[in-house]
Protein backbone atom coordinates (compact mmCIF):
# COMPACT_ATOMS: atom_id res chain seq x y z
CA MET A 1 -20.01 -21.07 -15.45
CA THR A 2 -23.36 -20.26 -14.11
CA THR A 3 -24.10 -18.74 -10.50
CA CYS A 4 -25.24 -22.21 -9.45
CA GLU A 5 -21.98 -23.56 -10.49
CA ALA A 6 -20.08 -21.01 -8.75
CA ASP A 7 -22.10 -21.66 -5.65
CA LEU A 8 -21.22 -25.15 -5.87
CA ILE A 9 -17.45 -24.44 -5.91
CA ARG A 10 -17.76 -22.10 -2.84
CA HIS A 11 -19.28 -24.88 -1.12
CA ALA A 12 -16.91 -27.22 -2.23
CA ALA A 13 -14.16 -25.27 -1.21
CA CYS A 14 -15.80 -25.20 2.33
CA GLY A 15 -15.77 -28.81 2.70
CA ASP A 16 -19.39 -29.62 1.43
CA GLN A 17 -18.93 -33.23 -0.15
CA GLU A 18 -22.10 -33.10 -1.95
CA ALA A 19 -21.31 -29.89 -3.90
CA PHE A 20 -18.18 -31.50 -4.98
CA ARG A 21 -19.65 -34.63 -5.95
CA GLN A 22 -22.11 -32.58 -8.07
CA LEU A 23 -19.11 -30.81 -9.54
CA TRP A 24 -17.75 -34.27 -10.55
CA GLU A 25 -21.03 -35.24 -12.00
CA ALA A 26 -20.72 -32.29 -14.07
CA HIS A 27 -17.24 -32.16 -15.43
CA HIS A 28 -15.58 -35.64 -15.00
CA ALA A 29 -16.75 -36.66 -18.57
CA ALA A 30 -14.88 -33.55 -20.09
CA ALA A 31 -11.81 -34.14 -18.10
CA MET A 32 -11.73 -37.60 -19.02
CA ALA A 33 -12.05 -36.96 -22.80
CA ALA A 34 -9.18 -34.52 -22.61
CA ALA A 35 -7.09 -36.90 -20.59
CA LEU A 36 -7.71 -39.58 -23.03
CA ARG A 37 -6.95 -37.28 -25.85
CA LEU A 38 -3.37 -36.67 -24.29
CA CYS A 39 -2.37 -40.14 -23.31
CA HIS A 40 -4.60 -43.03 -25.71
CA GLN A 41 -5.06 -45.10 -22.64
CA ARG A 42 -8.17 -45.28 -20.85
CA ALA A 43 -6.97 -46.71 -17.65
CA LEU A 44 -4.29 -44.08 -17.64
CA ALA A 45 -6.83 -41.35 -18.31
CA GLU A 46 -9.07 -42.51 -15.47
CA GLU A 47 -6.38 -42.38 -13.12
CA ILE A 48 -5.39 -38.76 -14.49
CA THR A 49 -9.12 -37.49 -14.16
CA GLN A 50 -9.36 -38.85 -10.58
CA GLY A 51 -6.05 -37.39 -9.65
CA ALA A 52 -7.16 -34.07 -10.91
CA PHE A 53 -10.57 -34.05 -8.94
CA LEU A 54 -8.40 -35.28 -5.81
CA LEU A 55 -5.78 -32.39 -6.12
CA ALA A 56 -8.81 -29.94 -6.60
CA TRP A 57 -10.51 -31.38 -3.41
CA ARG A 58 -7.43 -31.30 -1.41
CA ALA A 59 -6.39 -27.76 -2.37
CA SER A 60 -9.83 -26.49 -1.77
CA CYS A 61 -9.72 -28.19 1.82
CA GLY A 62 -6.32 -26.43 2.49
CA THR A 63 -7.42 -22.98 1.46
CA HIS A 64 -10.53 -22.64 3.75
CA ALA A 65 -8.19 -23.56 6.66
CA GLN A 66 -5.81 -20.51 5.86
CA ARG A 67 -9.06 -18.45 5.52
CA GLY A 68 -10.88 -19.24 8.72
CA GLY A 69 -14.02 -20.68 6.89
CA PRO A 70 -16.53 -23.20 8.08
CA GLY A 71 -14.17 -26.20 7.06
CA ALA A 72 -11.18 -24.53 9.55
CA LEU A 73 -12.77 -26.53 12.35
């Protein structure tokens, strides 16, 4: 993980949608490929990939509220 990527993760965890979009752009193809190898169905692999990123987004949004970070407002 690069410093830039670590910064994107920190920003996304604080609710920065643009940072999360950049992470999506950087990693969704690899996540999709992994899901496709597991289920062998493109539509299901797309749902799995989207679901995984949605869970990551929701988890990051929940944790900054507990920390009292900028997204806690």
